[in-house]
Amino acid sequence: RWSAADKTMINIDQPHLINVYNSTMGGVDRADQNIGAYRIQIRMKKWWRPLFAFYVDASVQNALLLYRQTSAARSQPMDQLAFKRAIVHVFLLRYKQDRAVGRPLT
Protein backbone atom coordinates (compact mmCIF):
# COMPACT_ATOMS: atom_id res chain seq x y z
CA ARG A 1 0.00 0.00 0.00
CA TRP A 2 1.02 3.64 -0.26
CA SER A 3 3.00 5.11 2.61
CA ALA A 4 2.34 8.82 2.98
CA ALA A 5 5.31 9.27 5.30
CA ASP A 6 7.83 7.62 2.95
CA LYS A 7 6.00 8.56 -0.27
CA THR A 8 6.55 5.04 -1.65
CA MET A 9 4.72 1.76 -1.97
CA ILE A 10 5.34 -0.66 0.92
CA ASN A 11 4.50 -4.36 1.20
CA ILE A 12 2.30 -5.55 4.04
CA ASP A 13 2.17 -9.23 4.96
CA GLN A 14 -1.25 -10.83 4.62
CA PRO A 15 -2.36 -12.82 7.69
CA HIS A 16 -2.32 -16.58 7.10
CA LEU A 17 -5.99 -16.97 8.04
CA ILE A 18 -7.09 -14.48 5.36
CA ASN A 19 -4.91 -16.21 2.78
CA VAL A 20 -6.46 -19.61 3.58
CA TYR A 21 -9.98 -18.16 3.46
CA ASN A 22 -9.39 -16.49 0.09
CA SER A 23 -7.92 -19.65 -1.42
CA THR A 24 -10.86 -21.85 -0.32
CA MET A 25 -13.79 -19.42 -0.64
CA GLY A 26 -15.21 -21.14 -3.72
CA GLY A 27 -18.48 -22.39 -2.21
CA VAL A 28 -20.69 -20.05 -0.23
CA ASP A 29 -19.23 -16.69 -1.26
CA ARG A 30 -19.31 -17.63 -4.95
CA ALA A 31 -22.93 -18.74 -4.65
CA ASP A 32 -23.89 -15.49 -2.87
CA GLN A 33 -22.12 -13.52 -5.59
CA ASN A 34 -23.91 -15.39 -8.38
CA ILE A 35 -27.32 -15.21 -6.69
CA GLY A 36 -26.88 -11.49 -6.05
CA ALA A 37 -26.19 -10.75 -9.72
CA TYR A 38 -29.78 -11.37 -10.85
CA ARG A 39 -31.70 -11.62 -7.58
CA ILE A 40 -35.49 -11.78 -7.56
CA GLN A 41 -36.56 -8.40 -6.16
CA ILE A 42 -39.42 -8.88 -3.71
CA ARG A 43 -40.02 -6.44 -0.86
CA MET A 44 -43.09 -7.44 1.08
CA LYS A 45 -44.30 -7.33 4.64
CA LYS A 46 -44.84 -11.06 4.66
CA TRP A 47 -41.61 -12.59 5.94
CA TRP A 48 -41.82 -15.74 3.87
CA ARG A 49 -41.93 -14.13 0.41
CA PRO A 50 -38.30 -12.95 0.31
CA LEU A 51 -37.30 -16.29 1.80
CA PHE A 52 -39.21 -18.08 -0.96
CA ALA A 53 -37.51 -15.86 -3.56
CA PHE A 54 -34.10 -16.73 -2.09
CA TYR A 55 -34.87 -20.45 -2.34
CA VAL A 56 -35.92 -20.02 -5.96
CA ASP A 57 -32.69 -18.12 -6.68
CA ALA A 58 -30.60 -20.77 -4.93
CA SER A 59 -32.37 -23.54 -6.85
CA VAL A 60 -31.75 -21.79 -10.16
CA GLN A 61 -28.10 -21.31 -9.20
CA ASN A 62 -27.74 -25.01 -8.39
CA ALA A 63 -29.46 -25.92 -11.66
CA LEU A 64 -27.05 -23.67 -13.54
CA LEU A 65 -24.07 -25.38 -11.92
CA LEU A 66 -25.48 -28.78 -12.88
CA TYR A 67 -26.14 -27.54 -16.42
CA ARG A 68 -22.55 -26.35 -16.76
CA GLN A 69 -21.29 -29.79 -15.71
CA THR A 70 -23.26 -31.60 -18.42
CA SER A 71 -22.40 -32.09 -22.05
CA ALA A 72 -25.24 -29.78 -23.13
CA ALA A 73 -23.35 -26.82 -21.71
CA ARG A 74 -20.35 -27.58 -23.87
CA SER A 75 -22.38 -27.50 -27.07
CA GLN A 76 -24.63 -24.59 -26.04
CA PRO A 77 -23.05 -22.48 -23.27
CA MET A 78 -25.27 -20.00 -21.42
CA ASP A 79 -24.53 -17.33 -18.88
CA GLN A 80 -26.68 -16.89 -15.78
CA LEU A 81 -29.09 -14.37 -17.30
CA ALA A 82 -29.66 -16.47 -20.44
CA PHE A 83 -30.21 -19.54 -18.26
CA LYS A 84 -32.84 -17.76 -16.13
CA ARG A 85 -34.56 -16.47 -19.26
CA ALA A 86 -34.65 -20.00 -20.70
CA ILE A 87 -36.28 -21.30 -17.50
CA VAL A 88 -38.90 -18.53 -17.57
CA HIS A 89 -39.56 -19.20 -21.25
CA VAL A 90 -40.17 -22.91 -20.56
CA PHE A 91 -42.59 -22.09 -17.72
CA LEU A 92 -44.45 -19.53 -19.82
CA LEU A 93 -44.86 -22.00 -22.68
CA ARG A 94 -45.90 -24.80 -20.34
CA TYR A 95 -48.48 -22.91 -18.28
CA LYS A 96 -49.82 -20.31 -20.68
CA GLN A 97 -53.58 -19.96 -20.94
CA ASP A 98 -55.21 -19.62 -24.31
CA ARG A 99 -57.21 -16.47 -24.77
CA ALA A 100 -60.93 -16.90 -25.24
CA VAL A 101 -62.22 -16.11 -28.71
CA GLY A 102 -65.38 -14.06 -29.13
CA ARG A 103 -67.36 -11.88 -26.82
CA PRO A 104 -66.98 -12.32 -23.07
CA LEU A 105 -69.90 -13.91 -21.26
CA THR A 106 -71.87 -11.59 -19.01
Foldseek 3Di string as FASTA:
>chain_A
DADPVVRDDDDDDDDPVVVVCVVPVPPPVVLVVLCVVDQDDDDDPDPCVSVVSVVVSSVLSVVLVVVCPDPVCVVPPDDSVVSVVVVVVVVCVVDPDDDDDDDDDD
